[in-house]
Amino acid sequence: MITRILVGTPTSERGAGALLAAAKLADTHDAELVVLQVAPVLDARSVFDPNGVPDPGEHLRPLHRSFPQLRMRNQQASGNPVREVCRAAEQEGSDLIVVPQRRRGSVSGLLSRRASKALVQQAPCPVLLVAS
């Protein structure tokens, strides 16, 4: 039984596919969706152009409109995505982790192929990788 799904996304709309897949799964299973937005330790925009840093909640607004009954919480972390996703999944008691995976040669997605493999090996629950 799936009661809580953790979706790890970057703090932009680059992980929209994984976010949508996680929302559909959560809606289907009447599960809570925990959205973990993982930012780099230092985002150069915050130093050189603070107004250029994206609003981390902006790309979640359409999700609220598409799934009005969905129980959803948002969390933010910075640092190593694999470590942060595993930590959050364990703390939350997640039944499933959903993350966007980069396609070869792409910069979109939260995890590289190597990091995705590390997440699958270290995660405290099953992991669903969604190509971005």
C-alpha atoms as a PDB file:
ATOM      1  CA  MET A   1       0.000   0.000   0.000  1.00  0.00           C
ATOM      2  CA  ILE A   2       1.314   3.442  -0.931  1.00  0.00           C
ATOM      3  CA  THR A   3       0.436   6.137   1.606  1.00  0.00           C
ATOM      4  CA  ARG A   4       3.243   8.670   1.118  1.00  0.00           C
ATOM      5  CA  ILE A   5       5.187   9.517  -2.028  1.00  0.00           C
ATOM      6  CA  LEU A   6       8.286  11.696  -1.991  1.00  0.00           C
ATOM      7  CA  VAL A   7       9.111  13.435  -5.235  1.00  0.00           C
ATOM      8  CA  GLY A   8      12.541  15.017  -5.465  1.00  0.00           C
ATOM      9  CA  THR A   9      12.734  17.885  -7.935  1.00  0.00           C
ATOM     10  CA  PRO A  10      15.074  20.731  -8.761  1.00  0.00           C
ATOM     11  CA  THR A  11      13.838  24.193  -7.745  1.00  0.00           C
ATOM     12  CA  SER A  12      12.570  24.873 -11.251  1.00  0.00           C
ATOM     13  CA  GLU A  13      10.115  23.352 -13.682  1.00  0.00           C
ATOM     14  CA  ARG A  14      12.803  21.023 -15.104  1.00  0.00           C
ATOM     15  CA  GLY A  15      11.367  18.164 -13.039  1.00  0.00           C
ATOM     16  CA  ALA A  16       7.789  18.715 -14.217  1.00  0.00           C
ATOM     17  CA  GLY A  17       7.435  15.210 -15.685  1.00  0.00           C
ATOM     18  CA  ALA A  18       8.391  13.508 -12.440  1.00  0.00           C
ATOM     19  CA  LEU A  19       6.193  15.870 -10.461  1.00  0.00           C
ATOM     20  CA  LEU A  20       3.192  15.088 -12.662  1.00  0.00           C
ATOM     21  CA  ALA A  21       3.842  11.319 -12.498  1.00  0.00           C
ATOM     22  CA  ALA A  22       4.112  11.475  -8.702  1.00  0.00           C
ATOM     23  CA  ALA A  23       0.918  13.537  -8.435  1.00  0.00           C
ATOM     24  CA  LYS A  24      -1.008  11.044 -10.594  1.00  0.00           C
ATOM     25  CA  LEU A  25       0.243   8.144  -8.474  1.00  0.00           C
ATOM     26  CA  ALA A  26      -0.600   9.957  -5.243  1.00  0.00           C
ATOM     27  CA  ASP A  27      -4.059  10.815  -6.559  1.00  0.00           C
ATOM     28  CA  THR A  28      -4.691   7.230  -7.681  1.00  0.00           C
ATOM     29  CA  HIS A  29      -3.600   5.745  -4.337  1.00  0.00           C
ATOM     30  CA  ASP A  30      -5.060   8.546  -2.179  1.00  0.00           C
ATOM     31  CA  ALA A  31      -1.526   9.058  -0.877  1.00  0.00           C
ATOM     32  CA  GLU A  32       0.122  12.160   0.492  1.00  0.00           C
ATOM     33  CA  LEU A  33       2.629  13.809  -1.837  1.00  0.00           C
ATOM     34  CA  VAL A  34       5.747  15.326  -0.316  1.00  0.00           C
ATOM     35  CA  VAL A  35       7.568  17.562  -2.790  1.00  0.00           C
ATOM     36  CA  LEU A  36      11.243  17.958  -1.926  1.00  0.00           C
ATOM     37  CA  GLN A  37      12.898  20.706  -3.931  1.00  0.00           C
ATOM     38  CA  VAL A  38      16.661  20.280  -3.856  1.00  0.00           C
ATOM     39  CA  ALA A  39      18.791  23.297  -4.715  1.00  0.00           C
ATOM     40  CA  PRO A  40      22.533  23.422  -5.257  1.00  0.00           C
ATOM     41  CA  VAL A  41      24.552  24.414  -2.206  1.00  0.00           C
ATOM     42  CA  LEU A  42      25.336  27.695  -3.925  1.00  0.00           C
ATOM     43  CA  ASP A  43      23.176  29.043  -6.712  1.00  0.00           C
ATOM     44  CA  ALA A  44      25.231  31.723  -8.482  1.00  0.00           C
ATOM     45  CA  ARG A  45      22.036  33.647  -9.212  1.00  0.00           C
ATOM     46  CA  SER A  46      21.576  34.270  -5.480  1.00  0.00           C
ATOM     47  CA  VAL A  47      24.947  36.047  -5.419  1.00  0.00           C
ATOM     48  CA  PHE A  48      24.963  37.906  -8.731  1.00  0.00           C
ATOM     49  CA  ASP A  49      21.237  38.396  -9.390  1.00  0.00           C
ATOM     50  CA  PRO A  50      19.059  37.700  -6.333  1.00  0.00           C
ATOM     51  CA  ASN A  51      15.953  38.711  -8.311  1.00  0.00           C
ATOM     52  CA  GLY A  52      16.794  36.016 -10.882  1.00  0.00           C
ATOM     53  CA  VAL A  53      16.414  33.164  -8.403  1.00  0.00           C
ATOM     54  CA  PRO A  54      13.206  31.304  -9.297  1.00  0.00           C
ATOM     55  CA  ASP A  55      10.325  31.128  -6.848  1.00  0.00           C
ATOM     56  CA  PRO A  56      10.490  27.472  -5.749  1.00  0.00           C
ATOM     57  CA  GLY A  57       6.716  27.239  -5.368  1.00  0.00           C
ATOM     58  CA  GLU A  58       5.873  28.752  -8.761  1.00  0.00           C
ATOM     59  CA  HIS A  59       5.884  25.521 -10.773  1.00  0.00           C
ATOM     60  CA  LEU A  60       3.731  23.784  -8.129  1.00  0.00           C
ATOM     61  CA  ARG A  61       0.724  26.063  -8.622  1.00  0.00           C
ATOM     62  CA  PRO A  62      -0.621  24.264 -11.723  1.00  0.00           C
ATOM     63  CA  LEU A  63      -0.434  21.003  -9.777  1.00  0.00           C
ATOM     64  CA  HIS A  64      -2.791  22.416  -7.132  1.00  0.00           C
ATOM     65  CA  ARG A  65      -5.266  23.332  -9.878  1.00  0.00           C
ATOM     66  CA  SER A  66      -5.021  19.950 -11.629  1.00  0.00           C
ATOM     67  CA  PHE A  67      -5.300  17.890  -8.435  1.00  0.00           C
ATOM     68  CA  PRO A  68      -7.383  19.971  -5.979  1.00  0.00           C
ATOM     69  CA  GLN A  69      -7.996  17.040  -3.602  1.00  0.00           C
ATOM     70  CA  LEU A  70      -4.336  16.037  -3.433  1.00  0.00           C
ATOM     71  CA  ARG A  71      -2.723  16.228  -0.011  1.00  0.00           C
ATOM     72  CA  MET A  72       0.602  17.852  -0.726  1.00  0.00           C
ATOM     73  CA  ARG A  73       3.424  19.359   1.323  1.00  0.00           C
ATOM     74  CA  ASN A  74       6.465  21.195   0.053  1.00  0.00           C
ATOM     75  CA  GLN A  75       9.963  21.013   1.549  1.00  0.00           C
ATOM     76  CA  GLN A  76      13.228  22.578   0.489  1.00  0.00           C
ATOM     77  CA  ALA A  77      16.781  21.381   0.940  1.00  0.00           C
ATOM     78  CA  SER A  78      20.166  22.207  -0.454  1.00  0.00           C
ATOM     79  CA  GLY A  79      23.136  19.963  -0.947  1.00  0.00           C
ATOM     80  CA  ASN A  80      23.787  16.563  -2.440  1.00  0.00           C
ATOM     81  CA  PRO A  81      20.507  15.445  -4.082  1.00  0.00           C
ATOM     82  CA  VAL A  82      21.005  11.725  -3.333  1.00  0.00           C
ATOM     83  CA  ARG A  83      21.749  12.361   0.327  1.00  0.00           C
ATOM     84  CA  GLU A  84      18.892  14.864   0.721  1.00  0.00           C
ATOM     85  CA  VAL A  85      16.307  12.652  -1.002  1.00  0.00           C
ATOM     86  CA  CYS A  86      17.298   9.593   1.062  1.00  0.00           C
ATOM     87  CA  ARG A  87      17.247  11.622   4.285  1.00  0.00           C
ATOM     88  CA  ALA A  88      13.810  13.067   3.543  1.00  0.00           C
ATOM     89  CA  ALA A  89      12.384   9.691   2.473  1.00  0.00           C
ATOM     90  CA  GLU A  90      13.527   8.112   5.701  1.00  0.00           C
ATOM     91  CA  GLN A  91      12.275  10.976   7.879  1.00  0.00           C
ATOM     92  CA  GLU A  92       8.921  11.039   6.105  1.00  0.00           C
ATOM     93  CA  GLY A  93       8.440   7.268   6.076  1.00  0.00           C
ATOM     94  CA  SER A  94       7.942   7.388   2.309  1.00  0.00           C
ATOM     95  CA  ASP A  95       6.669   4.317   0.476  1.00  0.00           C
ATOM     96  CA  LEU A  96       7.977   5.479  -2.911  1.00  0.00           C
ATOM     97  CA  ILE A  97      10.493   8.019  -4.215  1.00  0.00           C
ATOM     98  CA  VAL A  98       9.935   9.616  -7.631  1.00  0.00           C
ATOM     99  CA  VAL A  99      12.750  11.626  -9.243  1.00  0.00           C
ATOM    100  CA  PRO A 100      13.525  13.015 -12.688  1.00  0.00           C
ATOM    101  CA  GLN A 101      16.538  11.437 -14.345  1.00  0.00           C
ATOM    102  CA  ARG A 102      18.627  13.271 -16.897  1.00  0.00           C
ATOM    103  CA  ARG A 103      18.771  11.877 -20.359  1.00  0.00           C
ATOM    104  CA  ARG A 104      22.226  11.434 -21.811  1.00  0.00           C
ATOM    105  CA  GLY A 105      23.627  14.819 -22.811  1.00  0.00           C
ATOM    106  CA  SER A 106      20.835  16.732 -21.070  1.00  0.00           C
ATOM    107  CA  VAL A 107      21.179  19.173 -18.192  1.00  0.00           C
ATOM    108  CA  SER A 108      17.546  18.897 -17.116  1.00  0.00           C
ATOM    109  CA  GLY A 109      16.498  16.578 -14.355  1.00  0.00           C
ATOM    110  CA  LEU A 110      17.626  16.282 -10.769  1.00  0.00           C
ATOM    111  CA  LEU A 111      20.035  13.369 -11.038  1.00  0.00           C
ATOM    112  CA  SER A 112      22.720  12.212 -13.414  1.00  0.00           C
ATOM    113  CA  ARG A 113      22.742   8.537 -14.388  1.00  0.00           C
ATOM    114  CA  ARG A 114      25.449   7.811 -11.816  1.00  0.00           C
ATOM    115  CA  ALA A 115      23.533   9.631  -9.072  1.00  0.00           C
ATOM    116  CA  SER A 116      20.321   7.823 -10.038  1.00  0.00           C
ATOM    117  CA  LYS A 117      22.075   4.485  -9.612  1.00  0.00           C
ATOM    118  CA  ALA A 118      23.399   5.603  -6.202  1.00  0.00           C
ATOM    119  CA  LEU A 119      19.896   6.669  -5.156  1.00  0.00           C
ATOM    120  CA  VAL A 120      18.396   3.319  -6.135  1.00  0.00           C
ATOM    121  CA  GLN A 121      21.088   1.538  -4.097  1.00  0.00           C
ATOM    122  CA  GLN A 122      20.828   3.771  -1.012  1.00  0.00           C
ATOM    123  CA  ALA A 123      17.124   4.608  -0.853  1.00  0.00           C
ATOM    124  CA  PRO A 124      15.041   3.301   2.052  1.00  0.00           C
ATOM    125  CA  CYS A 125      12.138   2.464  -0.308  1.00  0.00           C
ATOM    126  CA  PRO A 126      11.496   1.789  -4.025  1.00  0.00           C
ATOM    127  CA  VAL A 127      12.527   4.492  -6.520  1.00  0.00           C
ATOM    128  CA  LEU A 128      10.757   5.455  -9.745  1.00  0.00           C
ATOM    129  CA  LEU A 129      13.036   7.274 -12.218  1.00  0.00           C
ATOM    130  CA  VAL A 130      11.201   9.471 -14.727  1.00  0.00           C
ATOM    131  CA  ALA A 131      13.088  10.531 -17.852  1.00  0.00           C
ATOM    132  CA  SER A 132      13.164  14.300 -18.170  1.00  0.00           C
END
